[in-house]
Amino acid sequence: MSSRIPIPPAGKPSVSLTVDPAPFVKESGAVADRLRHLSEPRLKAPLTARREGSPSRAGAALALAQCLADLAAAVEGEPLREIPDLGVFVVGDQVAVTSGDLAAALEPLAEEHALILQDGEGVTAGDVLRRAREMVRELSAAI
């Protein structure tokens, strides 16, 4: 058995790798679960006690859910939809739902699939997924 990696024949396109949202779904699911288990005082507490005007954990989670919803809408070519503030105990579910929507929108796309976001920025599907994972990781580190 050869350990060489096969090289596609010249003139034939190589198979594009599709976006793999599984790690993103796992990370965002973990953040959603952590949010669901926080008490009301912890959800209402500022992310950083040392910074004046820091949003609450619930506020930051709602902002993340809105960003994920905006990305999903952009990928699907749909109008933006507002994520309502339904209270601190719902933000974990809102993060879970919006991350699932984004994952579903990205899953069939190739990694290098070109997208135009609402602000006119040109990115690839892989870029959108990396951006979403960064936002989830930032919130995870803060809560």
C-alpha atoms as a PDB file:
ATOM      1  CA  MET A   1       0.000   0.000   0.000  1.00  0.00           C
ATOM      2  CA  SER A   2       1.280   3.385  -0.956  1.00  0.00           C
ATOM      3  CA  SER A   3       1.207   6.247   1.515  1.00  0.00           C
ATOM      4  CA  ARG A   4       1.228   8.817  -1.277  1.00  0.00           C
ATOM      5  CA  ILE A   5      -1.611  11.272  -1.553  1.00  0.00           C
ATOM      6  CA  PRO A   6      -3.309  10.945  -4.940  1.00  0.00           C
ATOM      7  CA  ILE A   7      -2.988  13.964  -7.215  1.00  0.00           C
ATOM      8  CA  PRO A   8      -6.040  14.806  -9.323  1.00  0.00           C
ATOM      9  CA  PRO A   9      -5.477  14.560 -13.064  1.00  0.00           C
ATOM     10  CA  ALA A  10      -4.635  17.808 -14.858  1.00  0.00           C
ATOM     11  CA  GLY A  11      -7.630  19.614 -16.267  1.00  0.00           C
ATOM     12  CA  LYS A  12     -10.111  18.111 -13.797  1.00  0.00           C
ATOM     13  CA  PRO A  13     -11.215  20.272 -10.888  1.00  0.00           C
ATOM     14  CA  SER A  14     -10.471  18.989  -7.431  1.00  0.00           C
ATOM     15  CA  VAL A  15     -13.346  18.372  -5.053  1.00  0.00           C
ATOM     16  CA  SER A  16     -14.037  21.402  -2.883  1.00  0.00           C
ATOM     17  CA  LEU A  17     -14.202  20.887   0.800  1.00  0.00           C
ATOM     18  CA  THR A  18     -17.533  21.830   2.280  1.00  0.00           C
ATOM     19  CA  VAL A  19     -17.774  23.869   5.426  1.00  0.00           C
ATOM     20  CA  ASP A  20     -17.758  21.722   8.565  1.00  0.00           C
ATOM     21  CA  PRO A  21     -19.913  23.491  11.152  1.00  0.00           C
ATOM     22  CA  ALA A  22     -19.670  20.643  13.711  1.00  0.00           C
ATOM     23  CA  PRO A  23     -16.965  22.298  15.895  1.00  0.00           C
ATOM     24  CA  PHE A  24     -18.916  25.580  15.816  1.00  0.00           C
ATOM     25  CA  VAL A  25     -22.145  23.813  16.809  1.00  0.00           C
ATOM     26  CA  LYS A  26     -20.346  22.082  19.677  1.00  0.00           C
ATOM     27  CA  GLU A  27     -18.750  25.310  20.960  1.00  0.00           C
ATOM     28  CA  SER A  28     -21.918  27.383  20.661  1.00  0.00           C
ATOM     29  CA  GLY A  29     -23.932  24.590  22.301  1.00  0.00           C
ATOM     30  CA  ALA A  30     -21.547  24.616  25.252  1.00  0.00           C
ATOM     31  CA  VAL A  31     -21.936  28.395  25.618  1.00  0.00           C
ATOM     32  CA  ALA A  32     -25.735  28.081  25.384  1.00  0.00           C
ATOM     33  CA  ASP A  33     -25.692  25.406  28.118  1.00  0.00           C
ATOM     34  CA  ARG A  34     -23.525  27.571  30.368  1.00  0.00           C
ATOM     35  CA  LEU A  35     -25.919  30.492  29.901  1.00  0.00           C
ATOM     36  CA  ARG A  36     -28.912  28.264  30.725  1.00  0.00           C
ATOM     37  CA  HIS A  37     -27.321  27.293  34.037  1.00  0.00           C
ATOM     38  CA  LEU A  38     -26.381  30.777  35.249  1.00  0.00           C
ATOM     39  CA  SER A  39     -28.468  32.365  37.975  1.00  0.00           C
ATOM     40  CA  GLU A  40     -30.404  35.561  37.349  1.00  0.00           C
ATOM     41  CA  PRO A  41     -27.898  37.742  39.265  1.00  0.00           C
ATOM     42  CA  ARG A  42     -25.003  36.255  37.260  1.00  0.00           C
ATOM     43  CA  LEU A  43     -26.842  36.764  33.961  1.00  0.00           C
ATOM     44  CA  LYS A  44     -27.526  40.394  34.884  1.00  0.00           C
ATOM     45  CA  ALA A  45     -23.985  41.042  36.130  1.00  0.00           C
ATOM     46  CA  PRO A  46     -21.589  42.949  33.868  1.00  0.00           C
ATOM     47  CA  LEU A  47     -19.155  40.924  31.789  1.00  0.00           C
ATOM     48  CA  THR A  48     -16.241  42.842  33.250  1.00  0.00           C
ATOM     49  CA  ALA A  49     -16.679  44.448  36.645  1.00  0.00           C
ATOM     50  CA  ARG A  50     -13.729  46.778  36.085  1.00  0.00           C
ATOM     51  CA  ARG A  51     -15.148  48.450  32.963  1.00  0.00           C
ATOM     52  CA  GLU A  52     -17.845  51.085  33.313  1.00  0.00           C
ATOM     53  CA  GLY A  53     -20.789  50.458  30.995  1.00  0.00           C
ATOM     54  CA  SER A  54     -19.894  46.836  30.305  1.00  0.00           C
ATOM     55  CA  PRO A  55     -22.916  44.895  29.039  1.00  0.00           C
ATOM     56  CA  SER A  56     -24.420  42.179  31.190  1.00  0.00           C
ATOM     57  CA  ARG A  57     -23.744  38.537  30.385  1.00  0.00           C
ATOM     58  CA  ALA A  58     -27.307  38.253  29.097  1.00  0.00           C
ATOM     59  CA  GLY A  59     -26.887  41.420  27.028  1.00  0.00           C
ATOM     60  CA  ALA A  60     -23.676  40.112  25.490  1.00  0.00           C
ATOM     61  CA  ALA A  61     -25.362  36.775  24.742  1.00  0.00           C
ATOM     62  CA  LEU A  62     -28.297  38.547  23.081  1.00  0.00           C
ATOM     63  CA  ALA A  63     -25.840  40.595  21.004  1.00  0.00           C
ATOM     64  CA  LEU A  64     -24.093  37.360  19.954  1.00  0.00           C
ATOM     65  CA  ALA A  65     -27.431  35.802  18.985  1.00  0.00           C
ATOM     66  CA  GLN A  66     -28.210  38.895  16.888  1.00  0.00           C
ATOM     67  CA  CYS A  67     -24.827  38.719  15.136  1.00  0.00           C
ATOM     68  CA  LEU A  68     -25.303  35.019  14.375  1.00  0.00           C
ATOM     69  CA  ALA A  69     -28.807  35.691  13.042  1.00  0.00           C
ATOM     70  CA  ASP A  70     -27.461  38.516  10.861  1.00  0.00           C
ATOM     71  CA  LEU A  71     -24.769  36.229   9.440  1.00  0.00           C
ATOM     72  CA  ALA A  72     -27.308  33.468   8.726  1.00  0.00           C
ATOM     73  CA  ALA A  73     -29.605  35.950   6.965  1.00  0.00           C
ATOM     74  CA  ALA A  74     -26.704  37.238   4.869  1.00  0.00           C
ATOM     75  CA  VAL A  75     -25.650  33.717   3.875  1.00  0.00           C
ATOM     76  CA  GLU A  76     -29.235  32.836   2.918  1.00  0.00           C
ATOM     77  CA  GLY A  77     -29.781  36.153   1.110  1.00  0.00           C
ATOM     78  CA  GLU A  78     -32.695  36.930   3.419  1.00  0.00           C
ATOM     79  CA  PRO A  79     -33.571  40.233   5.095  1.00  0.00           C
ATOM     80  CA  LEU A  80     -32.180  40.801   8.560  1.00  0.00           C
ATOM     81  CA  ARG A  81     -34.433  39.754  11.418  1.00  0.00           C
ATOM     82  CA  GLU A  82     -34.369  41.217  14.898  1.00  0.00           C
ATOM     83  CA  ILE A  83     -33.811  38.897  17.829  1.00  0.00           C
ATOM     84  CA  PRO A  84     -36.191  40.123  20.542  1.00  0.00           C
ATOM     85  CA  ASP A  85     -35.132  40.634  24.136  1.00  0.00           C
ATOM     86  CA  LEU A  86     -37.277  38.009  25.862  1.00  0.00           C
ATOM     87  CA  GLY A  87     -35.471  38.153  29.195  1.00  0.00           C
ATOM     88  CA  VAL A  88     -32.298  36.829  30.721  1.00  0.00           C
ATOM     89  CA  PHE A  89     -33.433  33.212  31.016  1.00  0.00           C
ATOM     90  CA  VAL A  90     -33.972  32.858  27.255  1.00  0.00           C
ATOM     91  CA  VAL A  91     -30.580  34.032  25.938  1.00  0.00           C
ATOM     92  CA  GLY A  92     -29.053  30.547  26.060  1.00  0.00           C
ATOM     93  CA  ASP A  93     -31.824  29.234  23.837  1.00  0.00           C
ATOM     94  CA  GLN A  94     -31.474  32.227  21.510  1.00  0.00           C
ATOM     95  CA  VAL A  95     -27.746  31.528  21.081  1.00  0.00           C
ATOM     96  CA  ALA A  96     -28.488  27.847  20.431  1.00  0.00           C
ATOM     97  CA  VAL A  97     -31.181  28.550  17.829  1.00  0.00           C
ATOM     98  CA  THR A  98     -29.271  31.237  15.934  1.00  0.00           C
ATOM     99  CA  SER A  99     -26.060  29.208  15.877  1.00  0.00           C
ATOM    100  CA  GLY A 100     -28.045  26.241  14.546  1.00  0.00           C
ATOM    101  CA  ASP A 101     -29.565  28.446  11.833  1.00  0.00           C
ATOM    102  CA  LEU A 102     -26.118  29.679  10.791  1.00  0.00           C
ATOM    103  CA  ALA A 103     -24.690  26.153  10.765  1.00  0.00           C
ATOM    104  CA  ALA A 104     -27.579  24.937   8.587  1.00  0.00           C
ATOM    105  CA  ALA A 105     -27.081  27.828   6.169  1.00  0.00           C
ATOM    106  CA  LEU A 106     -23.330  27.186   5.845  1.00  0.00           C
ATOM    107  CA  GLU A 107     -23.287  23.383   5.816  1.00  0.00           C
ATOM    108  CA  PRO A 108     -24.006  22.818   2.099  1.00  0.00           C
ATOM    109  CA  LEU A 109     -21.529  25.464   0.960  1.00  0.00           C
ATOM    110  CA  ALA A 110     -17.958  24.970  -0.137  1.00  0.00           C
ATOM    111  CA  GLU A 111     -15.293  26.469   2.132  1.00  0.00           C
ATOM    112  CA  GLU A 112     -14.309  28.986  -0.559  1.00  0.00           C
ATOM    113  CA  HIS A 113     -17.897  29.810  -1.615  1.00  0.00           C
ATOM    114  CA  ALA A 114     -18.012  33.600  -2.107  1.00  0.00           C
ATOM    115  CA  LEU A 115     -20.622  35.543  -0.167  1.00  0.00           C
ATOM    116  CA  ILE A 116     -21.534  39.211  -0.053  1.00  0.00           C
ATOM    117  CA  LEU A 117     -22.634  40.336   3.401  1.00  0.00           C
ATOM    118  CA  GLN A 118     -25.242  43.033   4.037  1.00  0.00           C
ATOM    119  CA  ASP A 119     -22.556  45.708   4.408  1.00  0.00           C
ATOM    120  CA  GLY A 120     -21.179  44.816   0.959  1.00  0.00           C
ATOM    121  CA  GLU A 121     -18.163  42.995   2.364  1.00  0.00           C
ATOM    122  CA  GLY A 122     -17.051  40.036   0.260  1.00  0.00           C
ATOM    123  CA  VAL A 123     -16.106  36.940   2.265  1.00  0.00           C
ATOM    124  CA  THR A 124     -16.070  33.182   1.893  1.00  0.00           C
ATOM    125  CA  ALA A 125     -18.286  30.709   3.730  1.00  0.00           C
ATOM    126  CA  GLY A 126     -15.196  29.588   5.639  1.00  0.00           C
ATOM    127  CA  ASP A 127     -14.545  33.197   6.711  1.00  0.00           C
ATOM    128  CA  VAL A 128     -18.096  33.513   8.050  1.00  0.00           C
ATOM    129  CA  LEU A 129     -17.725  30.306  10.049  1.00  0.00           C
ATOM    130  CA  ARG A 130     -14.354  31.413  11.474  1.00  0.00           C
ATOM    131  CA  ARG A 131     -15.822  34.810  12.438  1.00  0.00           C
ATOM    132  CA  ALA A 132     -18.779  33.139  14.165  1.00  0.00           C
ATOM    133  CA  ARG A 133     -16.466  30.775  16.082  1.00  0.00           C
ATOM    134  CA  GLU A 134     -14.356  33.737  17.243  1.00  0.00           C
ATOM    135  CA  MET A 135     -17.441  35.538  18.581  1.00  0.00           C
ATOM    136  CA  VAL A 136     -18.606  32.409  20.420  1.00  0.00           C
ATOM    137  CA  ARG A 137     -15.149  31.904  21.927  1.00  0.00           C
ATOM    138  CA  GLU A 138     -15.003  35.538  23.073  1.00  0.00           C
ATOM    139  CA  LEU A 139     -18.321  35.215  24.880  1.00  0.00           C
ATOM    140  CA  SER A 140     -17.300  31.861  26.327  1.00  0.00           C
ATOM    141  CA  ALA A 141     -14.142  33.384  27.785  1.00  0.00           C
ATOM    142  CA  ALA A 142     -16.097  36.316  29.236  1.00  0.00           C
ATOM    143  CA  ILE A 143     -18.860  34.394  30.949  1.00  0.00           C
END
